[in-house]
Amino acid sequence: MTDEPLSRKEIEDRLRELPGWSLGDDRIARTYRLGTHFAATALVVHVAGIQEELNHHSELTLGYNTVALTVNTHSAGSVVTALDLELARRIEEIAPGHGAS
């Protein structure tokens, strides 16, 4: 997967497939709400595993029953790349299994 910067239009087009994700300040972001703190923590652990697999890491914030993520590619100049969108897509696949909305 390339770490070439994507155009704003490319990002916006791809975000249409990722409900809840938004673009701002050269990064994409999403906040998930979960039923309990334990469920939120479990989601964080699962996301951490995906990030290790991709060798690509987001800024991740655990709240009482929320998980907030922001991501961009530092090696590409802290802009959004296809790798960021792949991470978001992978997170979207597993979030419902944790009860995230």
N, C-alpha and C. Protein backbone atom coordinates (compact mmCIF):
# COMPACT_ATOMS: atom_id res chain seq x y z
N MET A 1 0.86 -1.17 0.00
CA MET A 1 0.00 0.00 0.00
C MET A 1 0.90 1.23 0.00
N THR A 2 0.56 2.18 -0.83
CA THR A 2 1.39 3.37 -1.00
C THR A 2 1.15 4.41 0.09
N ASP A 3 2.17 5.21 0.34
CA ASP A 3 1.99 6.30 1.30
C ASP A 3 2.00 7.65 0.58
N GLU A 4 1.52 7.62 -0.69
CA GLU A 4 1.37 8.86 -1.45
C GLU A 4 0.14 9.61 -0.94
N PRO A 5 0.25 10.92 -0.77
CA PRO A 5 -0.92 11.71 -0.33
C PRO A 5 -2.08 11.59 -1.31
N LEU A 6 -3.28 11.52 -0.77
CA LEU A 6 -4.48 11.49 -1.60
C LEU A 6 -5.04 12.90 -1.72
N SER A 7 -5.72 13.16 -2.83
CA SER A 7 -6.37 14.46 -2.99
C SER A 7 -7.59 14.52 -2.07
N ARG A 8 -8.03 15.73 -1.80
CA ARG A 8 -9.22 15.91 -0.97
C ARG A 8 -10.42 15.16 -1.58
N LYS A 9 -10.57 15.23 -2.90
CA LYS A 9 -11.68 14.54 -3.56
C LYS A 9 -11.56 13.03 -3.41
N GLU A 10 -10.36 12.48 -3.57
CA GLU A 10 -10.17 11.04 -3.39
C GLU A 10 -10.56 10.62 -1.97
N ILE A 11 -10.13 11.41 -1.00
CA ILE A 11 -10.45 11.09 0.40
C ILE A 11 -11.96 11.16 0.62
N GLU A 12 -12.58 12.25 0.19
CA GLU A 12 -14.02 12.40 0.38
C GLU A 12 -14.80 11.29 -0.31
N ASP A 13 -14.38 10.91 -1.52
CA ASP A 13 -15.04 9.81 -2.23
C ASP A 13 -14.95 8.51 -1.44
N ARG A 14 -13.79 8.22 -0.91
CA ARG A 14 -13.60 6.97 -0.16
C ARG A 14 -14.27 7.00 1.20
N LEU A 15 -14.38 8.18 1.79
CA LEU A 15 -15.05 8.28 3.09
C LEU A 15 -16.55 8.01 2.98
N ARG A 16 -17.11 8.13 1.79
CA ARG A 16 -18.54 7.81 1.60
C ARG A 16 -18.82 6.35 1.94
N GLU A 17 -17.78 5.51 1.85
CA GLU A 17 -17.91 4.09 2.17
C GLU A 17 -17.63 3.81 3.65
N LEU A 18 -17.29 4.86 4.41
CA LEU A 18 -16.94 4.71 5.82
C LEU A 18 -17.80 5.65 6.67
N PRO A 19 -19.05 5.27 6.92
CA PRO A 19 -19.95 6.14 7.67
C PRO A 19 -19.37 6.50 9.04
N GLY A 20 -19.53 7.76 9.40
CA GLY A 20 -19.04 8.22 10.71
C GLY A 20 -17.64 8.77 10.68
N TRP A 21 -16.87 8.46 9.64
CA TRP A 21 -15.52 8.99 9.50
C TRP A 21 -15.60 10.35 8.81
N SER A 22 -14.72 11.28 9.22
CA SER A 22 -14.71 12.61 8.63
C SER A 22 -13.28 13.06 8.39
N LEU A 23 -13.15 14.04 7.54
CA LEU A 23 -11.85 14.62 7.20
C LEU A 23 -11.74 15.99 7.83
N GLY A 24 -10.59 16.24 8.45
CA GLY A 24 -10.31 17.56 9.00
C GLY A 24 -8.86 17.65 9.42
N ASP A 25 -8.26 18.81 9.20
CA ASP A 25 -6.88 19.04 9.62
C ASP A 25 -5.91 17.97 9.12
N ASP A 26 -6.01 17.61 7.85
CA ASP A 26 -5.10 16.62 7.24
C ASP A 26 -5.11 15.28 7.95
N ARG A 27 -6.26 14.88 8.44
CA ARG A 27 -6.42 13.57 9.08
C ARG A 27 -7.87 13.14 8.99
N ILE A 28 -8.10 11.84 9.12
CA ILE A 28 -9.47 11.35 9.21
C ILE A 28 -9.74 10.96 10.66
N ALA A 29 -11.01 11.04 11.05
CA ALA A 29 -11.35 10.83 12.46
C ALA A 29 -12.72 10.18 12.60
N ARG A 30 -12.87 9.48 13.72
CA ARG A 30 -14.16 8.86 14.06
C ARG A 30 -14.20 8.62 15.55
N THR A 31 -15.38 8.78 16.13
CA THR A 31 -15.62 8.42 17.53
C THR A 31 -16.71 7.36 17.57
N TYR A 32 -16.43 6.29 18.29
CA TYR A 32 -17.39 5.21 18.49
C TYR A 32 -17.96 5.30 19.89
N ARG A 33 -19.23 4.99 20.02
CA ARG A 33 -19.88 4.88 21.34
C ARG A 33 -20.16 3.41 21.58
N LEU A 34 -19.91 2.99 22.80
CA LEU A 34 -20.12 1.60 23.17
C LEU A 34 -20.95 1.53 24.44
N GLY A 35 -21.43 0.34 24.77
CA GLY A 35 -22.33 0.18 25.91
C GLY A 35 -21.66 0.30 27.27
N THR A 36 -20.40 -0.08 27.35
CA THR A 36 -19.70 -0.07 28.64
C THR A 36 -18.23 0.30 28.43
N HIS A 37 -17.58 0.59 29.52
CA HIS A 37 -16.15 0.87 29.47
C HIS A 37 -15.37 -0.38 29.05
N PHE A 38 -15.81 -1.53 29.54
CA PHE A 38 -15.14 -2.78 29.18
C PHE A 38 -15.22 -3.02 27.67
N ALA A 39 -16.39 -2.78 27.07
CA ALA A 39 -16.55 -2.96 25.62
C ALA A 39 -15.64 -1.98 24.86
N ALA A 40 -15.55 -0.75 25.34
CA ALA A 40 -14.67 0.23 24.71
C ALA A 40 -13.21 -0.21 24.79
N THR A 41 -12.83 -0.73 25.94
CA THR A 41 -11.45 -1.21 26.12
C THR A 41 -11.16 -2.38 25.20
N ALA A 42 -12.11 -3.28 25.07
CA ALA A 42 -11.93 -4.43 24.17
C ALA A 42 -11.76 -3.97 22.73
N LEU A 43 -12.51 -2.95 22.32
CA LEU A 43 -12.36 -2.41 20.97
C LEU A 43 -10.95 -1.83 20.79
N VAL A 44 -10.46 -1.11 21.78
CA VAL A 44 -9.11 -0.54 21.70
C VAL A 44 -8.07 -1.65 21.50
N VAL A 45 -8.19 -2.74 22.24
CA VAL A 45 -7.24 -3.85 22.12
C VAL A 45 -7.32 -4.45 20.71
N HIS A 46 -8.52 -4.61 20.20
CA HIS A 46 -8.69 -5.18 18.86
C HIS A 46 -8.09 -4.24 17.80
N VAL A 47 -8.34 -2.93 17.94
CA VAL A 47 -7.77 -1.95 17.01
C VAL A 47 -6.25 -1.98 17.08
N ALA A 48 -5.70 -2.10 18.28
CA ALA A 48 -4.24 -2.15 18.44
C ALA A 48 -3.66 -3.33 17.66
N GLY A 49 -4.34 -4.45 17.66
CA GLY A 49 -3.88 -5.61 16.91
C GLY A 49 -3.86 -5.35 15.40
N ILE A 50 -4.89 -4.70 14.90
CA ILE A 50 -4.94 -4.35 13.48
C ILE A 50 -3.82 -3.37 13.14
N GLN A 51 -3.61 -2.41 14.01
CA GLN A 51 -2.55 -1.42 13.77
C GLN A 51 -1.17 -2.09 13.73
N GLU A 52 -0.94 -3.03 14.59
CA GLU A 52 0.33 -3.76 14.57
C GLU A 52 0.48 -4.54 13.27
N GLU A 53 -0.61 -5.19 12.84
CA GLU A 53 -0.59 -5.97 11.61
C GLU A 53 -0.25 -5.09 10.41
N LEU A 54 -0.84 -3.89 10.35
CA LEU A 54 -0.60 -2.96 9.24
C LEU A 54 0.68 -2.14 9.44
N ASN A 55 1.24 -2.18 10.65
CA ASN A 55 2.37 -1.32 11.01
C ASN A 55 2.02 0.14 10.73
N HIS A 56 0.82 0.50 11.16
CA HIS A 56 0.30 1.86 10.97
C HIS A 56 -0.60 2.16 12.16
N HIS A 57 -0.34 3.26 12.84
CA HIS A 57 -0.99 3.52 14.12
C HIS A 57 -1.72 4.85 14.14
N SER A 58 -2.88 4.85 14.78
CA SER A 58 -3.68 6.05 14.92
C SER A 58 -3.43 6.68 16.28
N GLU A 59 -3.93 7.89 16.44
CA GLU A 59 -4.07 8.48 17.76
C GLU A 59 -5.36 7.89 18.30
N LEU A 60 -5.29 7.28 19.44
CA LEU A 60 -6.41 6.51 19.97
C LEU A 60 -6.71 7.00 21.38
N THR A 61 -7.98 7.38 21.63
CA THR A 61 -8.36 7.88 22.94
C THR A 61 -9.51 7.04 23.49
N LEU A 62 -9.29 6.48 24.67
CA LEU A 62 -10.30 5.68 25.35
C LEU A 62 -11.00 6.54 26.38
N GLY A 63 -12.32 6.64 26.25
CA GLY A 63 -13.14 7.32 27.25
C GLY A 63 -13.93 6.28 28.04
N TYR A 64 -14.88 6.73 28.85
CA TYR A 64 -15.66 5.78 29.65
C TYR A 64 -16.34 4.75 28.75
N ASN A 65 -17.09 5.22 27.77
CA ASN A 65 -17.74 4.30 26.84
C ASN A 65 -17.57 4.79 25.40
N THR A 66 -16.45 5.44 25.14
CA THR A 66 -16.14 5.92 23.80
C THR A 66 -14.71 5.56 23.40
N VAL A 67 -14.51 5.47 22.11
CA VAL A 67 -13.18 5.31 21.53
C VAL A 67 -13.09 6.31 20.38
N ALA A 68 -12.13 7.21 20.46
CA ALA A 68 -11.92 8.21 19.41
C ALA A 68 -10.60 7.92 18.71
N LEU A 69 -10.62 8.01 17.38
CA LEU A 69 -9.42 7.76 16.59
C LEU A 69 -9.22 8.91 15.62
N THR A 70 -7.97 9.29 15.44
CA THR A 70 -7.57 10.17 14.34
C THR A 70 -6.36 9.54 13.71
N VAL A 71 -6.26 9.66 12.39
CA VAL A 71 -5.15 9.00 11.70
C VAL A 71 -4.74 9.78 10.46
N ASN A 72 -3.43 9.85 10.28
CA ASN A 72 -2.82 10.30 9.04
C ASN A 72 -1.48 9.59 8.94
N THR A 73 -0.76 9.81 7.85
CA THR A 73 0.49 9.10 7.63
C THR A 73 1.66 10.05 7.86
N HIS A 74 2.33 9.88 8.96
CA HIS A 74 3.45 10.76 9.32
C HIS A 74 4.57 10.70 8.28
N SER A 75 4.87 9.51 7.77
CA SER A 75 5.97 9.34 6.82
C SER A 75 5.70 10.02 5.48
N ALA A 76 4.44 10.40 5.22
CA ALA A 76 4.08 11.08 3.98
C ALA A 76 3.89 12.58 4.22
N GLY A 77 4.32 13.05 5.38
CA GLY A 77 4.17 14.47 5.69
C GLY A 77 2.92 14.78 6.49
N SER A 78 2.44 13.79 7.23
CA SER A 78 1.24 13.94 8.07
C SER A 78 0.01 14.35 7.26
N VAL A 79 -0.22 13.59 6.19
CA VAL A 79 -1.40 13.77 5.34
C VAL A 79 -2.11 12.43 5.23
N VAL A 80 -3.28 12.44 4.61
CA VAL A 80 -4.06 11.21 4.47
C VAL A 80 -3.61 10.44 3.22
N THR A 81 -3.39 9.14 3.43
CA THR A 81 -3.00 8.24 2.35
C THR A 81 -3.96 7.05 2.31
N ALA A 82 -3.76 6.19 1.33
CA ALA A 82 -4.57 4.98 1.22
C ALA A 82 -4.42 4.10 2.46
N LEU A 83 -3.26 4.12 3.10
CA LEU A 83 -3.04 3.33 4.30
C LEU A 83 -3.97 3.76 5.43
N ASP A 84 -4.21 5.05 5.55
CA ASP A 84 -5.13 5.55 6.58
C ASP A 84 -6.54 5.04 6.33
N LEU A 85 -6.95 5.07 5.08
CA LEU A 85 -8.29 4.61 4.74
C LEU A 85 -8.42 3.11 4.89
N GLU A 86 -7.36 2.37 4.65
CA GLU A 86 -7.38 0.92 4.87
C GLU A 86 -7.53 0.62 6.36
N LEU A 87 -6.81 1.35 7.20
CA LEU A 87 -6.95 1.17 8.65
C LEU A 87 -8.39 1.47 9.07
N ALA A 88 -8.95 2.56 8.59
CA ALA A 88 -10.33 2.90 8.93
C ALA A 88 -11.29 1.81 8.47
N ARG A 89 -11.09 1.29 7.26
CA ARG A 89 -11.96 0.23 6.75
C ARG A 89 -11.89 -1.01 7.62
N ARG A 90 -10.70 -1.37 8.03
CA ARG A 90 -10.52 -2.56 8.88
C ARG A 90 -11.19 -2.35 10.24
N ILE A 91 -11.09 -1.16 10.78
CA ILE A 91 -11.73 -0.86 12.07
C ILE A 91 -13.25 -0.93 11.91
N GLU A 92 -13.77 -0.40 10.81
CA GLU A 92 -15.21 -0.45 10.56
C GLU A 92 -15.72 -1.89 10.50
N GLU A 93 -14.89 -2.81 10.02
CA GLU A 93 -15.29 -4.21 9.93
C GLU A 93 -15.48 -4.84 11.31
N ILE A 94 -14.64 -4.47 12.27
CA ILE A 94 -14.68 -5.15 13.57
C ILE A 94 -15.49 -4.39 14.63
N ALA A 95 -15.72 -3.11 14.45
CA ALA A 95 -16.40 -2.29 15.47
C ALA A 95 -17.80 -2.81 15.83
N PRO A 96 -18.63 -3.20 14.85
CA PRO A 96 -19.96 -3.68 15.23
C PRO A 96 -19.92 -4.90 16.14
N GLY A 97 -18.93 -5.74 16.00
CA GLY A 97 -18.81 -6.91 16.86
C GLY A 97 -18.56 -6.58 18.32
N HIS A 98 -18.16 -5.34 18.57
CA HIS A 98 -17.97 -4.86 19.94
C HIS A 98 -19.15 -4.04 20.42
N GLY A 99 -20.17 -3.92 19.57
CA GLY A 99 -21.35 -3.14 19.93
C GLY A 99 -21.16 -1.65 19.70
N ALA A 100 -20.18 -1.29 18.89
CA ALA A 100 -19.88 0.14 18.66
C ALA A 100 -20.87 0.73 17.66
N SER A 101 -21.20 1.97 17.91
CA SER A 101 -22.04 2.71 16.97
C SER A 101 -21.46 4.09 16.75
